Amino acid sequence: MPKAKNLQEAYNNLVVEPLESEEEFRDFYVERPVKAPSPIEELKDRIHISDRKGEVPLSGVQRLG
């Protein structure tokens, strides 16, 4: 699957099914820099300091091994 160049292509590439092969996983995996802050910690901090009420949907994949 080619990498999306814009939001429309990204949406059209979206398939709501589990990734089934290492190749599919590699197509979507993005390496996070080692010194980068944890995205989970950043999200937690934003939720804690927000005055807005509401729900935050979360989704993700954890690679094992």
C-alpha atoms as a PDB file:
ATOM      1  CA  MET A   1       0.000   0.000   0.000  1.00  0.00           C
ATOM      2  CA  PRO A   2       1.502   3.368  -0.953  1.00  0.00           C
ATOM      3  CA  LYS A   3       2.044   5.914   1.816  1.00  0.00           C
ATOM      4  CA  ALA A   4      -0.662   8.578   1.904  1.00  0.00           C
ATOM      5  CA  LYS A   5       0.301  12.088   0.829  1.00  0.00           C
ATOM      6  CA  ASN A   6      -2.796  13.762   2.277  1.00  0.00           C
ATOM      7  CA  LEU A   7      -5.763  13.146   4.577  1.00  0.00           C
ATOM      8  CA  GLN A   8      -8.027  11.890   1.781  1.00  0.00           C
ATOM      9  CA  GLU A   9      -5.503   9.227   0.741  1.00  0.00           C
ATOM     10  CA  ALA A  10      -4.971   8.252   4.384  1.00  0.00           C
ATOM     11  CA  TYR A  11      -8.723   7.831   4.886  1.00  0.00           C
ATOM     12  CA  ASN A  12      -9.056   5.778   1.710  1.00  0.00           C
ATOM     13  CA  ASN A  13      -6.173   3.542   2.853  1.00  0.00           C
ATOM     14  CA  LEU A  14      -7.944   2.887   6.151  1.00  0.00           C
ATOM     15  CA  VAL A  15      -9.048  -0.703   6.541  1.00  0.00           C
ATOM     16  CA  VAL A  16     -10.740  -1.635   9.794  1.00  0.00           C
ATOM     17  CA  GLU A  17      -9.195  -5.076  10.074  1.00  0.00           C
ATOM     18  CA  PRO A  18      -6.216  -6.371  12.060  1.00  0.00           C
ATOM     19  CA  LEU A  19      -2.824  -6.353  10.370  1.00  0.00           C
ATOM     20  CA  GLU A  20      -2.073  -9.934   9.417  1.00  0.00           C
ATOM     21  CA  SER A  21       1.534  -9.968   8.262  1.00  0.00           C
ATOM     22  CA  GLU A  22       4.902  -8.462   9.146  1.00  0.00           C
ATOM     23  CA  GLU A  23       4.825  -6.598   5.817  1.00  0.00           C
ATOM     24  CA  GLU A  24       1.485  -4.947   6.687  1.00  0.00           C
ATOM     25  CA  PHE A  25       2.851  -3.979  10.099  1.00  0.00           C
ATOM     26  CA  ARG A  26       5.982  -2.455   8.531  1.00  0.00           C
ATOM     27  CA  ASP A  27       3.789  -0.380   6.188  1.00  0.00           C
ATOM     28  CA  PHE A  28       2.162   1.376   9.162  1.00  0.00           C
ATOM     29  CA  TYR A  29       4.897   1.323  11.814  1.00  0.00           C
ATOM     30  CA  VAL A  30       6.630   4.613  12.606  1.00  0.00           C
ATOM     31  CA  GLU A  31       9.759   4.557  14.741  1.00  0.00           C
ATOM     32  CA  ARG A  32       9.595   7.078  17.572  1.00  0.00           C
ATOM     33  CA  PRO A  33      12.868   8.833  18.434  1.00  0.00           C
ATOM     34  CA  VAL A  34      14.430   7.425  21.618  1.00  0.00           C
ATOM     35  CA  LYS A  35      14.530  10.788  23.398  1.00  0.00           C
ATOM     36  CA  ALA A  36      11.016  11.789  22.335  1.00  0.00           C
ATOM     37  CA  PRO A  37       8.489  12.188  25.153  1.00  0.00           C
ATOM     38  CA  SER A  38       5.994   9.384  25.546  1.00  0.00           C
ATOM     39  CA  PRO A  39       2.832  10.136  23.542  1.00  0.00           C
ATOM     40  CA  ILE A  40       0.816   8.501  26.324  1.00  0.00           C
ATOM     41  CA  GLU A  41       2.336  10.811  28.943  1.00  0.00           C
ATOM     42  CA  GLU A  42       1.692  13.840  26.721  1.00  0.00           C
ATOM     43  CA  LEU A  43      -1.945  12.805  26.248  1.00  0.00           C
ATOM     44  CA  LYS A  44      -2.358  12.180  29.982  1.00  0.00           C
ATOM     45  CA  ASP A  45      -0.959  15.649  30.770  1.00  0.00           C
ATOM     46  CA  ARG A  46      -3.278  17.315  28.231  1.00  0.00           C
ATOM     47  CA  ILE A  47      -6.312  15.547  29.680  1.00  0.00           C
ATOM     48  CA  HIS A  48      -5.371  16.527  33.254  1.00  0.00           C
ATOM     49  CA  ILE A  49      -4.890  20.228  32.463  1.00  0.00           C
ATOM     50  CA  SER A  50      -7.954  20.555  30.233  1.00  0.00           C
ATOM     51  CA  ASP A  51     -11.046  22.402  31.450  1.00  0.00           C
ATOM     52  CA  ARG A  52     -13.175  20.614  28.851  1.00  0.00           C
ATOM     53  CA  LYS A  53     -15.457  17.808  29.890  1.00  0.00           C
ATOM     54  CA  GLY A  54     -15.809  14.812  27.662  1.00  0.00           C
ATOM     55  CA  GLU A  55     -14.417  11.485  26.628  1.00  0.00           C
ATOM     56  CA  VAL A  56     -11.205  10.689  24.786  1.00  0.00           C
ATOM     57  CA  PRO A  57     -11.257   7.632  22.519  1.00  0.00           C
ATOM     58  CA  LEU A  58      -7.975   5.701  22.587  1.00  0.00           C
ATOM     59  CA  SER A  59      -6.724   3.053  20.217  1.00  0.00           C
ATOM     60  CA  GLY A  60      -3.331   1.578  19.602  1.00  0.00           C
ATOM     61  CA  VAL A  61      -1.084  -1.355  19.012  1.00  0.00           C
ATOM     62  CA  GLN A  62       1.759  -2.572  21.144  1.00  0.00           C
ATOM     63  CA  ARG A  63       4.384  -4.571  19.329  1.00  0.00           C
ATOM     64  CA  LEU A  64       5.701  -7.498  21.327  1.00  0.00           C
ATOM     65  CA  GLY A  65       9.007  -9.238  20.723  1.00  0.00           C
END
